[in-house]
Amino acid sequence: MRYFEALPQSLIVGDGALRGVNIKTRAGAAQALEADQLLVFFGLHPKLGPIAEWGLALEKKALTVDTEKFQTSLPGVFAVGDINTYPGKKKLILSGFHEAALAAFAIQHHLFPQKKQFLQYTTTSPVMHQRLGVPD
């Protein structure tokens, strides 16, 4: 896995699937990156910036998503928080957390469709307690 702190400029799409992203680095250099998956973190600014030019379905300057997966109009591209829209959308931090949880399950299924998904509660799961370092 590689990490880039950069501005995404455009998606590279082929045969209706994500193939990569063109970025602009902090130094201002343009770079094309091949990718099957892409995690983009923009922070607390709800303006789409270059994402608005990626060809994803938009409504009132926000990305349209389905409320089951929070997937955009391009399979494999997900959006949560104030940059998305759907019927009944409330622009609250709490809503973003809910959207992120549903998107995380959808992303896992997208990446590993054959793998069974398990929901474990941090309050009762011994596995989660061990991972988080919660004493017995």
N, C-alpha and C. Protein backbone atom coordinates (compact mmCIF):
# COMPACT_ATOMS: atom_id res chain seq x y z
N MET A 1 0.84 -1.16 0.00
CA MET A 1 0.00 0.00 0.00
C MET A 1 0.89 1.24 0.00
N ARG A 2 0.48 2.25 -0.77
CA ARG A 2 1.21 3.52 -0.81
C ARG A 2 0.28 4.63 -0.35
N TYR A 3 0.85 5.67 0.23
CA TYR A 3 0.10 6.81 0.72
C TYR A 3 0.56 8.06 -0.02
N PHE A 4 -0.37 8.85 -0.50
CA PHE A 4 -0.06 10.10 -1.18
C PHE A 4 -0.86 11.22 -0.56
N GLU A 5 -0.19 12.30 -0.24
CA GLU A 5 -0.89 13.51 0.17
C GLU A 5 -0.89 14.41 -1.05
N ALA A 6 -2.02 14.45 -1.75
CA ALA A 6 -2.09 15.12 -3.03
C ALA A 6 -3.54 15.51 -3.31
N LEU A 7 -3.72 16.27 -4.38
CA LEU A 7 -5.06 16.62 -4.83
C LEU A 7 -5.44 15.72 -6.01
N PRO A 8 -6.50 14.92 -5.86
CA PRO A 8 -6.93 14.13 -7.00
C PRO A 8 -7.49 15.05 -8.08
N GLN A 9 -7.06 14.85 -9.31
CA GLN A 9 -7.47 15.71 -10.41
C GLN A 9 -8.53 15.06 -11.30
N SER A 10 -8.38 13.78 -11.57
CA SER A 10 -9.35 13.08 -12.40
C SER A 10 -9.20 11.58 -12.22
N LEU A 11 -10.26 10.85 -12.50
CA LEU A 11 -10.22 9.39 -12.44
C LEU A 11 -9.72 8.85 -13.77
N ILE A 12 -9.06 7.72 -13.72
CA ILE A 12 -8.71 6.96 -14.92
C ILE A 12 -9.68 5.79 -14.95
N VAL A 13 -10.55 5.77 -15.96
CA VAL A 13 -11.61 4.76 -16.05
C VAL A 13 -11.47 4.03 -17.36
N GLY A 14 -11.63 2.71 -17.33
CA GLY A 14 -11.61 1.90 -18.54
C GLY A 14 -12.64 0.79 -18.44
N ASP A 15 -13.42 0.58 -19.45
CA ASP A 15 -14.46 -0.44 -19.46
C ASP A 15 -15.42 -0.31 -18.28
N GLY A 16 -15.73 0.94 -17.89
CA GLY A 16 -16.68 1.19 -16.81
C GLY A 16 -16.17 0.89 -15.42
N ALA A 17 -14.86 0.71 -15.27
CA ALA A 17 -14.29 0.40 -13.96
C ALA A 17 -13.13 1.34 -13.65
N LEU A 18 -12.90 1.55 -12.37
CA LEU A 18 -11.78 2.38 -11.93
C LEU A 18 -10.47 1.71 -12.31
N ARG A 19 -9.58 2.46 -12.94
CA ARG A 19 -8.25 1.96 -13.32
C ARG A 19 -7.14 2.76 -12.64
N GLY A 20 -7.48 3.94 -12.12
CA GLY A 20 -6.46 4.75 -11.45
C GLY A 20 -6.95 6.17 -11.24
N VAL A 21 -6.00 7.03 -10.89
CA VAL A 21 -6.32 8.43 -10.61
C VAL A 21 -5.13 9.30 -11.00
N ASN A 22 -5.43 10.46 -11.53
CA ASN A 22 -4.40 11.46 -11.80
C ASN A 22 -4.38 12.41 -10.61
N ILE A 23 -3.19 12.63 -10.05
CA ILE A 23 -3.06 13.49 -8.88
C ILE A 23 -2.12 14.64 -9.14
N LYS A 24 -2.21 15.66 -8.28
CA LYS A 24 -1.25 16.74 -8.27
C LYS A 24 -0.61 16.72 -6.89
N THR A 25 0.70 16.50 -6.83
CA THR A 25 1.41 16.37 -5.57
C THR A 25 1.53 17.72 -4.88
N ARG A 26 1.96 17.71 -3.63
CA ARG A 26 2.16 18.95 -2.88
C ARG A 26 3.17 19.86 -3.57
N ALA A 27 4.11 19.25 -4.29
CA ALA A 27 5.12 20.03 -5.03
C ALA A 27 4.56 20.58 -6.34
N GLY A 28 3.33 20.19 -6.71
CA GLY A 28 2.70 20.69 -7.93
C GLY A 28 2.88 19.80 -9.14
N ALA A 29 3.55 18.66 -8.98
CA ALA A 29 3.77 17.75 -10.10
C ALA A 29 2.53 16.90 -10.37
N ALA A 30 2.22 16.69 -11.64
CA ALA A 30 1.13 15.81 -12.03
C ALA A 30 1.66 14.37 -12.09
N GLN A 31 0.83 13.43 -11.63
CA GLN A 31 1.25 12.04 -11.61
C GLN A 31 0.03 11.16 -11.82
N ALA A 32 0.15 10.15 -12.68
CA ALA A 32 -0.91 9.16 -12.89
C ALA A 32 -0.59 7.93 -12.04
N LEU A 33 -1.56 7.47 -11.29
CA LEU A 33 -1.39 6.29 -10.43
C LEU A 33 -2.39 5.23 -10.84
N GLU A 34 -1.90 4.03 -11.12
CA GLU A 34 -2.80 2.90 -11.37
C GLU A 34 -3.39 2.47 -10.04
N ALA A 35 -4.67 2.09 -10.04
CA ALA A 35 -5.30 1.65 -8.81
C ALA A 35 -6.56 0.86 -9.11
N ASP A 36 -6.77 -0.19 -8.34
CA ASP A 36 -8.03 -0.92 -8.38
C ASP A 36 -8.98 -0.37 -7.33
N GLN A 37 -8.41 0.15 -6.23
CA GLN A 37 -9.17 0.77 -5.16
C GLN A 37 -8.53 2.11 -4.86
N LEU A 38 -9.34 3.00 -4.30
CA LEU A 38 -8.86 4.34 -4.02
C LEU A 38 -9.54 4.85 -2.77
N LEU A 39 -8.77 5.30 -1.78
CA LEU A 39 -9.30 5.94 -0.59
C LEU A 39 -8.91 7.41 -0.67
N VAL A 40 -9.89 8.28 -0.70
CA VAL A 40 -9.62 9.71 -0.81
C VAL A 40 -10.17 10.38 0.44
N PHE A 41 -9.33 11.11 1.16
CA PHE A 41 -9.73 11.81 2.37
C PHE A 41 -9.56 13.30 2.14
N PHE A 42 -10.67 14.03 2.20
CA PHE A 42 -10.63 15.45 1.92
C PHE A 42 -10.77 16.31 3.16
N GLY A 43 -11.12 15.76 4.29
CA GLY A 43 -11.27 16.58 5.49
C GLY A 43 -12.66 17.16 5.63
N LEU A 44 -12.72 18.35 6.20
CA LEU A 44 -14.01 18.91 6.58
C LEU A 44 -14.57 19.91 5.58
N HIS A 45 -14.06 19.96 4.39
CA HIS A 45 -14.51 20.91 3.38
C HIS A 45 -15.47 20.22 2.43
N PRO A 46 -16.77 20.61 2.44
CA PRO A 46 -17.74 19.88 1.62
C PRO A 46 -17.73 20.21 0.14
N LYS A 47 -16.89 21.10 -0.32
CA LYS A 47 -16.84 21.41 -1.76
C LYS A 47 -16.14 20.28 -2.50
N LEU A 48 -16.66 19.91 -3.64
CA LEU A 48 -16.13 18.78 -4.40
C LEU A 48 -14.77 19.05 -5.04
N GLY A 49 -14.48 20.27 -5.40
CA GLY A 49 -13.22 20.55 -6.07
C GLY A 49 -13.13 19.75 -7.36
N PRO A 50 -11.95 19.17 -7.66
CA PRO A 50 -11.77 18.42 -8.92
C PRO A 50 -12.70 17.21 -9.06
N ILE A 51 -13.22 16.68 -7.95
CA ILE A 51 -14.12 15.52 -8.04
C ILE A 51 -15.34 15.84 -8.89
N ALA A 52 -15.76 17.10 -8.90
CA ALA A 52 -16.92 17.50 -9.69
C ALA A 52 -16.73 17.24 -11.18
N GLU A 53 -15.47 17.12 -11.61
CA GLU A 53 -15.16 16.91 -13.03
C GLU A 53 -14.88 15.44 -13.37
N TRP A 54 -15.09 14.54 -12.43
CA TRP A 54 -14.76 13.13 -12.64
C TRP A 54 -15.82 12.36 -13.43
N GLY A 55 -16.93 12.98 -13.74
CA GLY A 55 -17.98 12.30 -14.49
C GLY A 55 -18.93 11.50 -13.63
N LEU A 56 -18.88 11.67 -12.32
CA LEU A 56 -19.80 10.99 -11.42
C LEU A 56 -21.13 11.74 -11.40
N ALA A 57 -22.22 11.03 -11.16
CA ALA A 57 -23.54 11.67 -11.12
C ALA A 57 -23.60 12.67 -9.97
N LEU A 58 -24.10 13.86 -10.29
CA LEU A 58 -24.20 14.95 -9.32
C LEU A 58 -25.63 15.45 -9.22
N GLU A 59 -25.94 15.99 -8.05
CA GLU A 59 -27.21 16.69 -7.83
C GLU A 59 -26.92 17.84 -6.88
N LYS A 60 -27.17 19.05 -7.32
CA LYS A 60 -26.94 20.25 -6.50
C LYS A 60 -25.53 20.27 -5.90
N LYS A 61 -24.53 20.06 -6.74
CA LYS A 61 -23.12 20.10 -6.36
C LYS A 61 -22.75 19.07 -5.29
N ALA A 62 -23.44 17.93 -5.29
CA ALA A 62 -23.13 16.82 -4.39
C ALA A 62 -23.21 15.51 -5.17
N LEU A 63 -22.43 14.52 -4.73
CA LEU A 63 -22.42 13.20 -5.39
C LEU A 63 -23.66 12.41 -4.99
N THR A 64 -24.37 11.89 -5.99
CA THR A 64 -25.51 11.04 -5.66
C THR A 64 -25.00 9.64 -5.32
N VAL A 65 -25.57 9.07 -4.27
CA VAL A 65 -25.19 7.73 -3.80
C VAL A 65 -26.44 6.93 -3.50
N ASP A 66 -26.27 5.61 -3.50
CA ASP A 66 -27.37 4.77 -3.03
C ASP A 66 -27.22 4.64 -1.51
N THR A 67 -28.32 4.54 -0.80
CA THR A 67 -28.26 4.53 0.66
C THR A 67 -28.03 3.14 1.26
N GLU A 68 -27.86 2.14 0.42
CA GLU A 68 -27.49 0.81 0.93
C GLU A 68 -25.98 0.71 1.06
N LYS A 69 -25.25 1.22 0.07
CA LYS A 69 -23.80 1.05 0.01
C LYS A 69 -23.02 2.37 0.06
N PHE A 70 -23.68 3.47 -0.23
CA PHE A 70 -23.03 4.78 -0.38
C PHE A 70 -22.02 4.77 -1.52
N GLN A 71 -22.39 4.00 -2.56
CA GLN A 71 -21.62 3.93 -3.78
C GLN A 71 -22.12 5.00 -4.73
N THR A 72 -21.19 5.62 -5.44
CA THR A 72 -21.54 6.64 -6.43
C THR A 72 -22.00 5.95 -7.71
N SER A 73 -22.15 6.73 -8.76
CA SER A 73 -22.57 6.18 -10.05
C SER A 73 -21.49 5.32 -10.70
N LEU A 74 -20.25 5.35 -10.19
CA LEU A 74 -19.18 4.50 -10.71
C LEU A 74 -18.92 3.38 -9.70
N PRO A 75 -19.16 2.13 -10.08
CA PRO A 75 -18.92 1.02 -9.16
C PRO A 75 -17.50 1.06 -8.59
N GLY A 76 -17.42 0.90 -7.26
CA GLY A 76 -16.14 0.90 -6.59
C GLY A 76 -15.72 2.27 -6.06
N VAL A 77 -16.51 3.30 -6.34
CA VAL A 77 -16.24 4.64 -5.81
C VAL A 77 -17.36 4.99 -4.84
N PHE A 78 -17.01 5.22 -3.59
CA PHE A 78 -17.97 5.45 -2.51
C PHE A 78 -17.79 6.86 -1.96
N ALA A 79 -18.86 7.45 -1.43
CA ALA A 79 -18.77 8.80 -0.87
C ALA A 79 -19.63 8.89 0.38
N VAL A 80 -19.06 9.44 1.44
CA VAL A 80 -19.79 9.65 2.69
C VAL A 80 -19.58 11.10 3.13
N GLY A 81 -20.49 11.56 3.96
CA GLY A 81 -20.35 12.90 4.52
C GLY A 81 -21.05 13.94 3.66
N ASP A 82 -20.63 15.18 3.85
CA ASP A 82 -21.32 16.31 3.22
C ASP A 82 -21.14 16.39 1.71
N ILE A 83 -20.27 15.58 1.12
CA ILE A 83 -20.10 15.65 -0.34
C ILE A 83 -21.10 14.78 -1.08
N ASN A 84 -21.94 14.03 -0.35
CA ASN A 84 -22.92 13.19 -1.04
C ASN A 84 -24.34 13.70 -0.80
N THR A 85 -25.26 13.17 -1.58
CA THR A 85 -26.67 13.50 -1.40
C THR A 85 -27.53 12.29 -1.74
N TYR A 86 -28.70 12.25 -1.11
CA TYR A 86 -29.71 11.22 -1.33
C TYR A 86 -31.00 11.73 -0.70
N PRO A 87 -32.14 11.15 -1.03
CA PRO A 87 -33.39 11.63 -0.45
C PRO A 87 -33.35 11.58 1.08
N GLY A 88 -33.68 12.70 1.72
CA GLY A 88 -33.70 12.77 3.17
C GLY A 88 -32.36 13.08 3.81
N LYS A 89 -31.34 13.38 3.04
CA LYS A 89 -29.99 13.64 3.55
C LYS A 89 -29.99 14.75 4.60
N LYS A 90 -29.33 14.51 5.71
CA LYS A 90 -29.10 15.51 6.75
C LYS A 90 -27.60 15.71 6.87
N LYS A 91 -27.14 16.93 6.75
CA LYS A 91 -25.71 17.21 6.81
C LYS A 91 -25.28 17.37 8.27
N LEU A 92 -25.13 16.22 8.92
CA LEU A 92 -24.71 16.15 10.31
C LEU A 92 -23.53 15.20 10.43
N ILE A 93 -22.64 15.47 11.35
CA ILE A 93 -21.51 14.56 11.58
C ILE A 93 -22.02 13.16 11.90
N LEU A 94 -23.06 13.07 12.70
CA LEU A 94 -23.64 11.77 13.05
C LEU A 94 -24.05 11.00 11.81
N SER A 95 -24.65 11.70 10.83
CA SER A 95 -25.04 11.03 9.58
C SER A 95 -23.82 10.50 8.84
N GLY A 96 -22.74 11.27 8.84
CA GLY A 96 -21.51 10.83 8.19
C GLY A 96 -20.95 9.55 8.80
N PHE A 97 -21.02 9.43 10.13
CA PHE A 97 -20.54 8.20 10.79
C PHE A 97 -21.39 7.00 10.36
N HIS A 98 -22.70 7.19 10.32
CA HIS A 98 -23.60 6.12 9.89
C HIS A 98 -23.29 5.73 8.44
N GLU A 99 -23.14 6.73 7.57
CA GLU A 99 -22.82 6.47 6.17
C GLU A 99 -21.50 5.72 6.04
N ALA A 100 -20.51 6.13 6.82
CA ALA A 100 -19.19 5.48 6.76
C ALA A 100 -19.26 4.01 7.17
N ALA A 101 -20.07 3.71 8.18
CA ALA A 101 -20.21 2.32 8.62
C ALA A 101 -20.83 1.47 7.51
N LEU A 102 -21.88 1.98 6.88
CA LEU A 102 -22.51 1.22 5.79
C LEU A 102 -21.59 1.11 4.59
N ALA A 103 -20.87 2.19 4.28
CA ALA A 103 -19.92 2.15 3.16
C ALA A 103 -18.80 1.15 3.44
N ALA A 104 -18.32 1.07 4.68
CA ALA A 104 -17.24 0.14 5.01
C ALA A 104 -17.65 -1.31 4.73
N PHE A 105 -18.88 -1.67 5.11
CA PHE A 105 -19.35 -3.02 4.81
C PHE A 105 -19.46 -3.24 3.30
N ALA A 106 -19.96 -2.23 2.59
CA ALA A 106 -20.09 -2.35 1.13
C ALA A 106 -18.73 -2.45 0.46
N ILE A 107 -17.77 -1.69 0.95
CA ILE A 107 -16.41 -1.72 0.38
C ILE A 107 -15.78 -3.08 0.61
N GLN A 108 -15.96 -3.64 1.82
CA GLN A 108 -15.41 -4.97 2.09
C GLN A 108 -16.01 -5.98 1.11
N HIS A 109 -17.33 -5.90 0.91
CA HIS A 109 -17.97 -6.84 -0.02
C HIS A 109 -17.50 -6.60 -1.46
N HIS A 110 -17.29 -5.34 -1.83
CA HIS A 110 -16.80 -5.03 -3.17
C HIS A 110 -15.41 -5.62 -3.40
N LEU A 111 -14.55 -5.51 -2.39
CA LEU A 111 -13.18 -6.01 -2.52
C LEU A 111 -13.08 -7.52 -2.37
N PHE A 112 -13.91 -8.09 -1.51
CA PHE A 112 -13.86 -9.53 -1.20
C PHE A 112 -15.28 -10.11 -1.26
N PRO A 113 -15.88 -10.20 -2.45
CA PRO A 113 -17.29 -10.64 -2.54
C PRO A 113 -17.54 -12.05 -2.01
N GLN A 114 -16.53 -12.89 -2.00
CA GLN A 114 -16.70 -14.27 -1.54
C GLN A 114 -16.59 -14.39 -0.02
N LYS A 115 -16.11 -13.35 0.64
CA LYS A 115 -15.86 -13.41 2.09
C LYS A 115 -17.12 -13.04 2.87
N LYS A 116 -17.46 -13.87 3.86
CA LYS A 116 -18.61 -13.60 4.72
C LYS A 116 -18.28 -12.43 5.63
N GLN A 117 -19.26 -11.56 5.83
CA GLN A 117 -19.06 -10.40 6.69
C GLN A 117 -19.61 -10.67 8.08
N PHE A 118 -18.86 -10.27 9.09
CA PHE A 118 -19.29 -10.44 10.47
C PHE A 118 -19.35 -9.08 11.14
N LEU A 119 -20.41 -8.86 11.90
CA LEU A 119 -20.55 -7.64 12.68
C LEU A 119 -20.20 -7.98 14.12
N GLN A 120 -19.19 -7.29 14.66
CA GLN A 120 -18.79 -7.53 16.03
C GLN A 120 -18.91 -6.22 16.81
N TYR A 121 -19.49 -6.31 17.99
CA TYR A 121 -19.69 -5.14 18.83
C TYR A 121 -18.47 -4.92 19.73
N THR A 122 -17.98 -3.71 19.79
CA THR A 122 -16.80 -3.43 20.64
C THR A 122 -17.11 -3.64 22.11
N THR A 123 -18.36 -3.57 22.52
CA THR A 123 -18.70 -3.73 23.93
C THR A 123 -18.71 -5.19 24.38
N THR A 124 -18.92 -6.14 23.47
CA THR A 124 -19.07 -7.54 23.89
C THR A 124 -18.16 -8.53 23.19
N SER A 125 -17.46 -8.14 22.14
CA SER A 125 -16.66 -9.09 21.37
C SER A 125 -15.26 -9.26 21.96
N PRO A 126 -14.90 -10.49 22.39
CA PRO A 126 -13.55 -10.73 22.88
C PRO A 126 -12.48 -10.43 21.82
N VAL A 127 -12.78 -10.72 20.56
CA VAL A 127 -11.83 -10.45 19.47
C VAL A 127 -11.57 -8.94 19.37
N MET A 128 -12.65 -8.15 19.41
CA MET A 128 -12.49 -6.70 19.34
C MET A 128 -11.77 -6.16 20.58
N HIS A 129 -12.06 -6.72 21.74
CA HIS A 129 -11.36 -6.30 22.97
C HIS A 129 -9.86 -6.54 22.83
N GLN A 130 -9.49 -7.70 22.30
CA GLN A 130 -8.07 -8.02 22.12
C GLN A 130 -7.42 -7.06 21.13
N ARG A 131 -8.07 -6.81 19.99
CA ARG A 131 -7.52 -5.88 18.99
C ARG A 131 -7.34 -4.47 19.54
N LEU A 132 -8.29 -4.05 20.39
CA LEU A 132 -8.25 -2.70 20.94
C LEU A 132 -7.43 -2.58 22.23
N GLY A 133 -6.99 -3.72 22.77
CA GLY A 133 -6.20 -3.70 23.99
C GLY A 133 -7.02 -3.46 25.24
N VAL A 134 -8.29 -3.85 25.22
CA VAL A 134 -9.17 -3.68 26.38
C VAL A 134 -8.85 -4.78 27.38
N PRO A 135 -8.55 -4.40 28.64
CA PRO A 135 -8.22 -5.43 29.65
C PRO A 135 -9.43 -6.32 29.97
N ASP A 136 -9.13 -7.56 30.37
CA ASP A 136 -10.20 -8.51 30.71
C ASP A 136 -10.97 -8.09 31.94
